[in-house]
N, C-alpha and C. Protein backbone atom coordinates (compact mmCIF):
# COMPACT_ATOMS: atom_id res chain seq x y z
N MET A 1 1.43 199.31 37.88
CA MET A 1 2.37 200.38 37.61
C MET A 1 3.69 200.07 38.32
N LYS A 2 4.78 200.40 37.68
CA LYS A 2 6.11 200.16 38.22
C LYS A 2 6.62 201.43 38.90
N TYR A 3 7.13 201.25 40.11
CA TYR A 3 7.65 202.38 40.88
C TYR A 3 9.14 202.20 41.10
N ASP A 4 9.87 203.31 41.02
CA ASP A 4 11.29 203.28 41.36
C ASP A 4 11.41 203.52 42.86
N VAL A 5 11.80 202.48 43.57
CA VAL A 5 11.85 202.58 45.03
C VAL A 5 13.27 202.84 45.54
N THR A 6 14.20 203.11 44.64
CA THR A 6 15.60 203.31 45.04
C THR A 6 15.74 204.41 46.10
N ARG A 7 15.12 205.55 45.85
CA ARG A 7 15.23 206.66 46.80
C ARG A 7 14.56 206.34 48.12
N LEU A 8 13.50 205.54 48.07
CA LEU A 8 12.81 205.14 49.30
C LEU A 8 13.69 204.21 50.13
N VAL A 9 14.40 203.31 49.45
CA VAL A 9 15.34 202.42 50.14
C VAL A 9 16.45 203.26 50.78
N LEU A 10 16.97 204.22 50.04
CA LEU A 10 18.07 205.04 50.57
C LEU A 10 17.65 205.84 51.79
N VAL A 11 16.47 206.48 51.74
CA VAL A 11 16.04 207.27 52.90
C VAL A 11 15.73 206.35 54.08
N GLY A 12 15.30 205.13 53.80
CA GLY A 12 15.11 204.16 54.88
C GLY A 12 16.43 203.75 55.51
N LEU A 13 17.44 203.49 54.68
CA LEU A 13 18.77 203.16 55.20
C LEU A 13 19.30 204.29 56.08
N VAL A 14 19.11 205.52 55.62
CA VAL A 14 19.54 206.69 56.40
C VAL A 14 18.90 206.66 57.78
N SER A 15 17.61 206.39 57.82
CA SER A 15 16.89 206.36 59.10
C SER A 15 17.35 205.21 59.99
N GLY A 16 17.88 204.16 59.40
CA GLY A 16 18.44 203.08 60.20
C GLY A 16 19.77 203.48 60.83
N LEU A 17 20.55 204.27 60.11
CA LEU A 17 21.83 204.73 60.64
C LEU A 17 21.64 205.85 61.66
N ARG A 18 20.83 206.84 61.31
CA ARG A 18 20.52 207.98 62.18
C ARG A 18 19.02 208.22 62.04
N SER A 19 18.27 207.78 63.03
CA SER A 19 16.82 207.67 62.90
C SER A 19 16.12 208.92 62.37
N GLN A 20 16.54 210.08 62.79
CA GLN A 20 15.82 211.30 62.42
C GLN A 20 16.41 212.02 61.22
N LEU A 21 17.53 211.54 60.71
CA LEU A 21 18.18 212.21 59.59
C LEU A 21 17.39 212.07 58.29
N GLY A 22 16.76 210.94 58.06
CA GLY A 22 15.97 210.77 56.84
C GLY A 22 14.82 211.75 56.79
N VAL A 23 14.11 211.89 57.89
CA VAL A 23 13.00 212.85 57.96
C VAL A 23 13.53 214.27 57.78
N ALA A 24 14.65 214.59 58.41
CA ALA A 24 15.22 215.94 58.29
C ALA A 24 15.64 216.23 56.85
N ALA A 25 16.23 215.25 56.18
CA ALA A 25 16.64 215.45 54.78
C ALA A 25 15.43 215.75 53.90
N VAL A 26 14.36 215.01 54.11
CA VAL A 26 13.13 215.28 53.34
C VAL A 26 12.59 216.66 53.70
N ALA A 27 12.59 216.99 54.98
CA ALA A 27 12.07 218.30 55.41
C ALA A 27 12.86 219.45 54.79
N LEU A 28 14.18 219.34 54.82
CA LEU A 28 15.02 220.43 54.32
C LEU A 28 14.89 220.62 52.82
N THR A 29 14.42 219.62 52.12
CA THR A 29 14.32 219.72 50.66
C THR A 29 12.88 219.86 50.19
N THR A 30 11.96 220.05 51.11
CA THR A 30 10.55 220.27 50.74
C THR A 30 10.34 221.75 50.46
N GLY A 31 9.82 222.04 49.27
CA GLY A 31 9.60 223.42 48.87
C GLY A 31 8.44 224.06 49.61
N PRO A 32 8.42 225.39 49.67
CA PRO A 32 7.36 226.09 50.40
C PRO A 32 5.97 225.90 49.79
N GLY A 33 5.88 225.54 48.54
CA GLY A 33 4.58 225.36 47.90
C GLY A 33 4.08 223.93 47.91
N GLU A 34 4.77 223.05 48.60
CA GLU A 34 4.38 221.63 48.62
C GLU A 34 3.00 221.47 49.25
N THR A 35 2.12 220.76 48.56
CA THR A 35 0.76 220.57 49.08
C THR A 35 0.43 219.11 49.38
N ALA A 36 1.24 218.19 48.90
CA ALA A 36 0.96 216.76 49.13
C ALA A 36 1.30 216.40 50.56
N ARG A 37 0.39 215.73 51.23
CA ARG A 37 0.66 215.26 52.60
C ARG A 37 1.37 213.93 52.51
N PRO A 38 2.31 213.61 53.37
CA PRO A 38 2.76 214.34 54.54
C PRO A 38 3.90 215.31 54.25
N ALA A 39 4.37 215.39 53.01
CA ALA A 39 5.47 216.31 52.72
C ALA A 39 5.10 217.75 53.04
N SER A 40 3.83 218.11 52.92
CA SER A 40 3.42 219.49 53.17
C SER A 40 3.67 219.91 54.62
N TRP A 41 3.78 218.96 55.53
CA TRP A 41 4.08 219.29 56.93
C TRP A 41 5.43 219.97 57.06
N PHE A 42 6.31 219.75 56.08
CA PHE A 42 7.66 220.29 56.13
C PHE A 42 7.81 221.55 55.29
N ALA A 43 6.72 222.01 54.66
CA ALA A 43 6.82 223.16 53.76
C ALA A 43 7.12 224.45 54.52
N GLY A 44 6.68 224.54 55.75
CA GLY A 44 6.93 225.74 56.55
C GLY A 44 8.23 225.66 57.32
N VAL A 45 8.62 226.79 57.85
CA VAL A 45 9.88 226.89 58.57
C VAL A 45 9.89 226.04 59.84
N TRP A 46 8.74 225.92 60.52
CA TRP A 46 8.72 225.16 61.78
C TRP A 46 8.91 223.67 61.55
N GLY A 47 8.35 223.14 60.49
CA GLY A 47 8.55 221.73 60.18
C GLY A 47 10.02 221.42 59.92
N LYS A 48 10.68 222.32 59.21
CA LYS A 48 12.11 222.15 58.92
C LYS A 48 12.94 222.27 60.20
N ARG A 49 12.58 223.23 61.05
CA ARG A 49 13.33 223.44 62.29
C ARG A 49 13.21 222.24 63.24
N VAL A 50 12.00 221.75 63.41
CA VAL A 50 11.79 220.62 64.32
C VAL A 50 12.53 219.38 63.81
N ALA A 51 12.39 219.09 62.52
CA ALA A 51 13.06 217.92 61.96
C ALA A 51 14.58 218.06 62.05
N SER A 52 15.09 219.25 61.76
CA SER A 52 16.54 219.48 61.82
C SER A 52 17.06 219.38 63.24
N ALA A 53 16.32 219.94 64.19
CA ALA A 53 16.75 219.88 65.59
C ALA A 53 16.82 218.43 66.07
N GLY A 54 15.86 217.64 65.68
CA GLY A 54 15.88 216.22 66.05
C GLY A 54 17.09 215.51 65.48
N ALA A 55 17.40 215.79 64.22
CA ALA A 55 18.55 215.13 63.59
C ALA A 55 19.87 215.58 64.22
N VAL A 56 20.01 216.87 64.45
CA VAL A 56 21.24 217.37 65.08
C VAL A 56 21.39 216.80 66.49
N GLY A 57 20.30 216.78 67.23
CA GLY A 57 20.33 216.20 68.58
C GLY A 57 20.78 214.76 68.56
N GLU A 58 20.29 214.01 67.58
CA GLU A 58 20.70 212.61 67.50
C GLU A 58 22.16 212.46 67.09
N LEU A 59 22.62 213.31 66.18
CA LEU A 59 24.03 213.24 65.78
C LEU A 59 24.94 213.45 66.98
N VAL A 60 24.53 214.29 67.90
CA VAL A 60 25.31 214.52 69.12
C VAL A 60 25.11 213.36 70.11
N ALA A 61 23.87 213.02 70.37
CA ALA A 61 23.56 211.99 71.38
C ALA A 61 24.16 210.64 71.04
N ASP A 62 24.29 210.35 69.75
CA ASP A 62 24.84 209.06 69.34
C ASP A 62 26.26 208.84 69.85
N LYS A 63 26.98 209.91 70.09
CA LYS A 63 28.38 209.80 70.52
C LYS A 63 28.52 209.65 72.04
N LEU A 64 27.43 209.80 72.77
CA LEU A 64 27.49 209.76 74.23
C LEU A 64 27.49 208.32 74.73
N PRO A 65 28.29 208.04 75.77
CA PRO A 65 28.44 206.65 76.23
C PRO A 65 27.17 206.04 76.81
N TRP A 66 26.24 206.84 77.28
CA TRP A 66 25.03 206.29 77.90
C TRP A 66 23.86 206.14 76.92
N THR A 67 24.11 206.43 75.64
CA THR A 67 23.05 206.28 74.65
C THR A 67 22.71 204.80 74.51
N PRO A 68 21.43 204.44 74.61
CA PRO A 68 21.06 203.02 74.53
C PRO A 68 21.31 202.43 73.15
N SER A 69 21.41 201.13 73.10
CA SER A 69 21.63 200.42 71.84
C SER A 69 20.46 200.63 70.89
N ARG A 70 20.78 200.78 69.64
CA ARG A 70 19.74 200.89 68.62
C ARG A 70 19.07 199.55 68.37
N LEU A 71 19.66 198.47 68.90
CA LEU A 71 19.12 197.13 68.66
C LEU A 71 18.08 196.70 69.68
N THR A 72 17.71 197.57 70.61
CA THR A 72 16.61 197.24 71.52
C THR A 72 15.32 197.25 70.69
N PRO A 73 14.29 196.54 71.14
CA PRO A 73 13.03 196.57 70.38
C PRO A 73 12.51 197.99 70.13
N ALA A 74 12.60 198.86 71.13
CA ALA A 74 12.15 200.24 70.95
C ALA A 74 13.04 200.98 69.95
N GLY A 75 14.34 200.72 69.98
CA GLY A 75 15.26 201.36 69.04
C GLY A 75 14.99 200.96 67.60
N ILE A 76 14.79 199.68 67.39
CA ILE A 76 14.49 199.20 66.03
C ILE A 76 13.14 199.72 65.56
N ALA A 77 12.13 199.63 66.43
CA ALA A 77 10.78 200.06 66.05
C ALA A 77 10.75 201.55 65.71
N SER A 78 11.42 202.37 66.51
CA SER A 78 11.40 203.81 66.24
C SER A 78 12.12 204.13 64.93
N ARG A 79 13.22 203.47 64.67
CA ARG A 79 13.94 203.70 63.41
C ARG A 79 13.10 203.26 62.21
N MET A 80 12.40 202.13 62.37
CA MET A 80 11.53 201.67 61.29
C MET A 80 10.38 202.66 61.06
N ALA A 81 9.84 203.21 62.14
CA ALA A 81 8.76 204.20 62.00
C ALA A 81 9.27 205.46 61.30
N PHE A 82 10.44 205.95 61.71
CA PHE A 82 11.01 207.13 61.06
C PHE A 82 11.32 206.83 59.60
N GLY A 83 11.88 205.66 59.32
CA GLY A 83 12.20 205.29 57.94
C GLY A 83 10.96 205.19 57.07
N GLY A 84 9.91 204.58 57.61
CA GLY A 84 8.66 204.49 56.86
C GLY A 84 8.05 205.86 56.60
N PHE A 85 8.05 206.71 57.62
CA PHE A 85 7.49 208.05 57.47
C PHE A 85 8.30 208.87 56.46
N ALA A 86 9.63 208.81 56.56
CA ALA A 86 10.47 209.57 55.63
C ALA A 86 10.22 209.11 54.19
N ALA A 87 10.08 207.81 53.99
CA ALA A 87 9.83 207.28 52.64
C ALA A 87 8.47 207.73 52.11
N VAL A 88 7.45 207.72 52.96
CA VAL A 88 6.12 208.18 52.53
C VAL A 88 6.18 209.67 52.17
N ALA A 89 6.83 210.47 53.00
CA ALA A 89 6.94 211.91 52.73
C ALA A 89 7.71 212.16 51.43
N LEU A 90 8.79 211.43 51.23
CA LEU A 90 9.58 211.58 50.01
C LEU A 90 8.77 211.17 48.78
N SER A 91 8.09 210.04 48.87
CA SER A 91 7.30 209.55 47.75
C SER A 91 6.13 210.48 47.43
N SER A 92 5.58 211.13 48.45
CA SER A 92 4.43 212.02 48.22
C SER A 92 4.82 213.25 47.42
N GLN A 93 6.10 213.56 47.35
CA GLN A 93 6.56 214.71 46.58
C GLN A 93 6.65 214.41 45.09
N GLU A 94 6.65 213.14 44.74
CA GLU A 94 6.82 212.74 43.34
C GLU A 94 5.47 212.61 42.65
N ARG A 95 5.43 213.00 41.40
CA ARG A 95 4.19 212.92 40.63
C ARG A 95 3.71 211.48 40.53
N ASP A 96 4.61 210.56 40.29
CA ASP A 96 4.26 209.14 40.17
C ASP A 96 4.86 208.36 41.32
N GLY A 97 4.74 208.89 42.52
CA GLY A 97 5.30 208.23 43.69
C GLY A 97 4.59 206.94 44.03
N ALA A 98 5.27 206.12 44.78
CA ALA A 98 4.71 204.84 45.21
C ALA A 98 3.53 205.09 46.15
N PRO A 99 2.58 204.16 46.19
CA PRO A 99 1.48 204.30 47.16
C PRO A 99 2.04 204.36 48.58
N PRO A 100 1.38 205.09 49.47
CA PRO A 100 1.89 205.26 50.84
C PRO A 100 2.21 203.96 51.57
N VAL A 101 1.38 202.95 51.40
CA VAL A 101 1.62 201.68 52.10
C VAL A 101 2.91 201.04 51.59
N LEU A 102 3.12 201.07 50.29
CA LEU A 102 4.35 200.50 49.72
C LEU A 102 5.56 201.32 50.17
N ALA A 103 5.45 202.65 50.10
CA ALA A 103 6.57 203.51 50.52
C ALA A 103 6.92 203.26 51.98
N ALA A 104 5.91 203.17 52.83
CA ALA A 104 6.15 202.93 54.26
C ALA A 104 6.83 201.58 54.49
N ALA A 105 6.37 200.56 53.79
CA ALA A 105 6.95 199.22 53.95
C ALA A 105 8.40 199.20 53.49
N VAL A 106 8.68 199.82 52.35
CA VAL A 106 10.05 199.85 51.83
C VAL A 106 10.95 200.65 52.77
N GLY A 107 10.50 201.82 53.19
CA GLY A 107 11.31 202.64 54.10
C GLY A 107 11.57 201.96 55.42
N ALA A 108 10.55 201.31 55.98
CA ALA A 108 10.71 200.62 57.26
C ALA A 108 11.65 199.43 57.14
N ALA A 109 11.51 198.65 56.08
CA ALA A 109 12.38 197.48 55.89
C ALA A 109 13.83 197.92 55.69
N ALA A 110 14.04 198.94 54.87
CA ALA A 110 15.40 199.44 54.65
C ALA A 110 15.98 200.01 55.93
N SER A 111 15.15 200.63 56.73
CA SER A 111 15.61 201.16 58.01
C SER A 111 16.08 200.04 58.93
N ALA A 112 15.36 198.93 58.94
CA ALA A 112 15.79 197.79 59.76
C ALA A 112 17.16 197.29 59.31
N VAL A 113 17.37 197.24 58.01
CA VAL A 113 18.68 196.83 57.47
C VAL A 113 19.75 197.82 57.89
N GLY A 114 19.47 199.11 57.75
CA GLY A 114 20.43 200.14 58.15
C GLY A 114 20.75 200.10 59.63
N THR A 115 19.75 199.79 60.44
CA THR A 115 19.94 199.69 61.89
C THR A 115 20.94 198.60 62.22
N VAL A 116 20.73 197.43 61.66
CA VAL A 116 21.61 196.29 61.93
C VAL A 116 23.00 196.53 61.33
N ALA A 117 23.06 197.09 60.13
CA ALA A 117 24.35 197.35 59.49
C ALA A 117 25.17 198.36 60.30
N GLY A 118 24.54 199.42 60.76
CA GLY A 118 25.25 200.42 61.56
C GLY A 118 25.76 199.84 62.87
N ALA A 119 24.93 199.03 63.53
CA ALA A 119 25.35 198.40 64.79
C ALA A 119 26.50 197.43 64.54
N TYR A 120 26.43 196.69 63.44
CA TYR A 120 27.49 195.74 63.11
C TYR A 120 28.80 196.49 62.86
N TRP A 121 28.74 197.59 62.13
CA TRP A 121 29.92 198.41 61.85
C TRP A 121 30.57 198.87 63.15
N ARG A 122 29.77 199.42 64.04
CA ARG A 122 30.31 199.96 65.29
C ARG A 122 30.87 198.83 66.16
N ARG A 123 30.21 197.69 66.20
CA ARG A 123 30.70 196.56 67.00
C ARG A 123 32.02 196.03 66.43
N THR A 124 32.11 195.94 65.11
CA THR A 124 33.33 195.46 64.46
C THR A 124 34.52 196.37 64.79
N VAL A 125 34.30 197.67 64.76
CA VAL A 125 35.36 198.62 65.09
C VAL A 125 35.76 198.47 66.55
N ALA A 126 34.79 198.33 67.43
CA ALA A 126 35.08 198.18 68.87
C ALA A 126 35.86 196.89 69.14
N GLU A 127 35.47 195.81 68.47
CA GLU A 127 36.16 194.54 68.67
C GLU A 127 37.59 194.57 68.15
N ALA A 128 37.87 195.47 67.21
CA ALA A 128 39.22 195.63 66.69
C ALA A 128 40.07 196.51 67.61
N GLY A 129 39.47 197.00 68.69
CA GLY A 129 40.20 197.81 69.65
C GLY A 129 40.32 199.27 69.27
N ARG A 130 39.57 199.70 68.29
CA ARG A 130 39.60 201.10 67.85
C ARG A 130 38.60 201.92 68.66
N PRO A 131 38.84 203.21 68.80
CA PRO A 131 37.88 204.05 69.52
C PRO A 131 36.57 204.18 68.72
N ASP A 132 35.49 204.37 69.45
CA ASP A 132 34.17 204.39 68.83
C ASP A 132 33.86 205.68 68.09
N TRP A 133 34.32 206.82 68.60
CA TRP A 133 33.88 208.08 68.00
C TRP A 133 34.30 208.27 66.55
N PRO A 134 35.49 207.84 66.09
CA PRO A 134 35.76 207.98 64.66
C PRO A 134 34.82 207.11 63.82
N ALA A 135 34.49 205.92 64.33
CA ALA A 135 33.54 205.06 63.62
C ALA A 135 32.17 205.72 63.56
N ALA A 136 31.79 206.38 64.65
CA ALA A 136 30.50 207.08 64.68
C ALA A 136 30.49 208.23 63.67
N LEU A 137 31.60 208.95 63.57
CA LEU A 137 31.67 210.05 62.60
C LEU A 137 31.64 209.53 61.17
N LEU A 138 32.29 208.41 60.92
CA LEU A 138 32.23 207.81 59.58
C LEU A 138 30.80 207.36 59.27
N GLU A 139 30.12 206.83 60.27
CA GLU A 139 28.72 206.45 60.08
C GLU A 139 27.86 207.68 59.79
N ASP A 140 28.13 208.78 60.49
CA ASP A 140 27.44 210.04 60.20
C ASP A 140 27.65 210.45 58.74
N ALA A 141 28.91 210.38 58.29
CA ALA A 141 29.23 210.77 56.92
C ALA A 141 28.51 209.87 55.92
N ALA A 142 28.47 208.57 56.19
CA ALA A 142 27.76 207.65 55.30
C ALA A 142 26.27 207.98 55.26
N ALA A 143 25.70 208.28 56.42
CA ALA A 143 24.27 208.62 56.48
C ALA A 143 23.99 209.91 55.72
N LEU A 144 24.87 210.91 55.86
CA LEU A 144 24.69 212.17 55.13
C LEU A 144 24.80 211.96 53.62
N LEU A 145 25.74 211.13 53.20
CA LEU A 145 25.90 210.84 51.77
C LEU A 145 24.66 210.13 51.23
N LEU A 146 24.16 209.15 51.97
CA LEU A 146 22.94 208.46 51.55
C LEU A 146 21.75 209.42 51.51
N ALA A 147 21.67 210.32 52.49
CA ALA A 147 20.58 211.30 52.51
C ALA A 147 20.66 212.21 51.29
N TYR A 148 21.86 212.65 50.98
CA TYR A 148 22.07 213.49 49.81
C TYR A 148 21.62 212.77 48.54
N THR A 149 21.99 211.51 48.44
CA THR A 149 21.62 210.73 47.26
C THR A 149 20.11 210.52 47.20
N ALA A 150 19.49 210.29 48.33
CA ALA A 150 18.04 210.04 48.36
C ALA A 150 17.23 211.27 47.99
N VAL A 151 17.60 212.42 48.49
CA VAL A 151 16.78 213.62 48.28
C VAL A 151 17.41 214.63 47.34
N GLY A 152 18.61 214.37 46.86
CA GLY A 152 19.35 215.35 46.08
C GLY A 152 18.86 215.53 44.66
N HIS A 153 17.55 215.72 44.49
CA HIS A 153 16.98 215.85 43.16
C HIS A 153 16.72 217.30 42.76
N THR A 154 17.01 218.23 43.64
CA THR A 154 16.83 219.65 43.32
C THR A 154 18.07 220.42 43.74
N ASP A 155 18.21 221.62 43.22
CA ASP A 155 19.35 222.45 43.62
C ASP A 155 19.31 222.77 45.11
N ALA A 156 18.11 223.01 45.64
CA ALA A 156 17.98 223.30 47.07
C ALA A 156 18.42 222.11 47.90
N ALA A 157 18.06 220.92 47.45
CA ALA A 157 18.44 219.70 48.18
C ALA A 157 19.95 219.54 48.15
N ARG A 158 20.51 219.71 46.99
CA ARG A 158 21.96 219.55 46.88
C ARG A 158 22.68 220.55 47.78
N SER A 159 22.20 221.77 47.79
CA SER A 159 22.83 222.80 48.61
C SER A 159 22.70 222.50 50.09
N ALA A 160 21.50 222.16 50.55
CA ALA A 160 21.28 221.92 51.99
C ALA A 160 22.07 220.73 52.48
N VAL A 161 22.01 219.63 51.74
CA VAL A 161 22.68 218.42 52.21
C VAL A 161 24.18 218.51 51.98
N ALA A 162 24.61 219.17 50.91
CA ALA A 162 26.05 219.31 50.66
C ALA A 162 26.71 220.15 51.74
N THR A 163 26.03 221.18 52.22
CA THR A 163 26.57 221.99 53.31
C THR A 163 26.78 221.14 54.55
N ALA A 164 25.77 220.36 54.90
CA ALA A 164 25.88 219.47 56.07
C ALA A 164 26.97 218.43 55.86
N ALA A 165 27.04 217.87 54.66
CA ALA A 165 28.04 216.85 54.37
C ALA A 165 29.45 217.44 54.40
N GLY A 166 29.61 218.67 53.91
CA GLY A 166 30.92 219.31 53.94
C GLY A 166 31.41 219.52 55.36
N THR A 167 30.52 219.94 56.23
CA THR A 167 30.87 220.12 57.63
C THR A 167 31.27 218.80 58.26
N ALA A 168 30.48 217.76 57.99
CA ALA A 168 30.77 216.44 58.55
C ALA A 168 32.07 215.88 57.98
N SER A 169 32.33 216.15 56.70
CA SER A 169 33.53 215.64 56.06
C SER A 169 34.79 216.17 56.73
N GLY A 170 34.80 217.45 57.05
CA GLY A 170 35.95 218.02 57.74
C GLY A 170 36.16 217.39 59.10
N ALA A 171 35.08 217.17 59.82
CA ALA A 171 35.17 216.54 61.14
C ALA A 171 35.65 215.11 61.02
N VAL A 172 35.14 214.39 60.02
CA VAL A 172 35.53 213.00 59.84
C VAL A 172 37.00 212.90 59.46
N SER A 173 37.47 213.77 58.57
CA SER A 173 38.88 213.74 58.17
C SER A 173 39.80 213.91 59.36
N GLY A 174 39.49 214.89 60.19
CA GLY A 174 40.30 215.11 61.39
C GLY A 174 40.23 213.95 62.35
N ALA A 175 39.04 213.39 62.52
CA ALA A 175 38.86 212.27 63.45
C ALA A 175 39.60 211.03 62.98
N VAL A 176 39.50 210.74 61.69
CA VAL A 176 40.15 209.55 61.15
C VAL A 176 41.65 209.68 61.22
N SER A 177 42.19 210.83 60.82
CA SER A 177 43.64 210.99 60.87
C SER A 177 44.14 210.94 62.31
N GLY A 178 43.37 211.50 63.24
CA GLY A 178 43.76 211.43 64.65
C GLY A 178 43.70 210.02 65.19
N ALA A 179 42.67 209.28 64.80
CA ALA A 179 42.50 207.91 65.30
C ALA A 179 43.55 206.97 64.73
N LEU A 180 44.01 207.26 63.53
CA LEU A 180 44.97 206.37 62.88
C LEU A 180 46.42 206.77 63.12
N SER A 181 46.63 207.88 63.78
CA SER A 181 48.01 208.32 64.02
C SER A 181 48.69 207.41 65.04
N PRO A 182 50.00 207.21 64.91
CA PRO A 182 50.73 206.35 65.84
C PRO A 182 50.63 206.82 67.29
N SER A 183 50.45 208.10 67.52
CA SER A 183 50.37 208.60 68.89
C SER A 183 49.06 208.22 69.56
N HIS A 184 48.14 207.65 68.81
CA HIS A 184 46.84 207.26 69.34
C HIS A 184 46.88 205.86 69.96
N GLY A 185 48.03 205.24 69.95
CA GLY A 185 48.16 203.94 70.59
C GLY A 185 48.17 202.78 69.62
N ARG A 186 47.68 202.98 68.44
CA ARG A 186 47.67 201.91 67.43
C ARG A 186 48.19 202.52 66.13
N GLY A 187 49.03 201.81 65.46
CA GLY A 187 49.62 202.31 64.24
C GLY A 187 48.82 202.07 63.10
């Protein structure tokens, strides 16, 4: 049987950029009547709250100077685990979803790619002498857009992720214009 793994790749990439955002996106778009495991873990309000709190916490912690590199073995492994889990949960919601082992492998591999790509982006910006926080906000926006694309198959998904993306978009616009202004030291 042929499986469309595009959404699994996307949610894995999201987890590579922001480890807990992929799981939160799946949680926020899981309906209350979901019975397939592991997606059913997110059907209740507490599953959504825990996943969302983790994602919001990471969005904040990522900007702090003492946050460890995502490229440490523990950082890569945790992102791959979150990516694999998010992909399995997403796939379990589909009638013809990929087998759990395939979904986990695709999500984990895509998460590893997202991890390295995000680190490369941030390093490239730093080497160019630009401040890190606008790059971090742009990475947040990219992760939110990928999350929206991965789970945006229902009206509830579009609404939940679009609200988060709209909030991030305003913050990113202000950050980018501030970072690129001549008064910021670089023209």
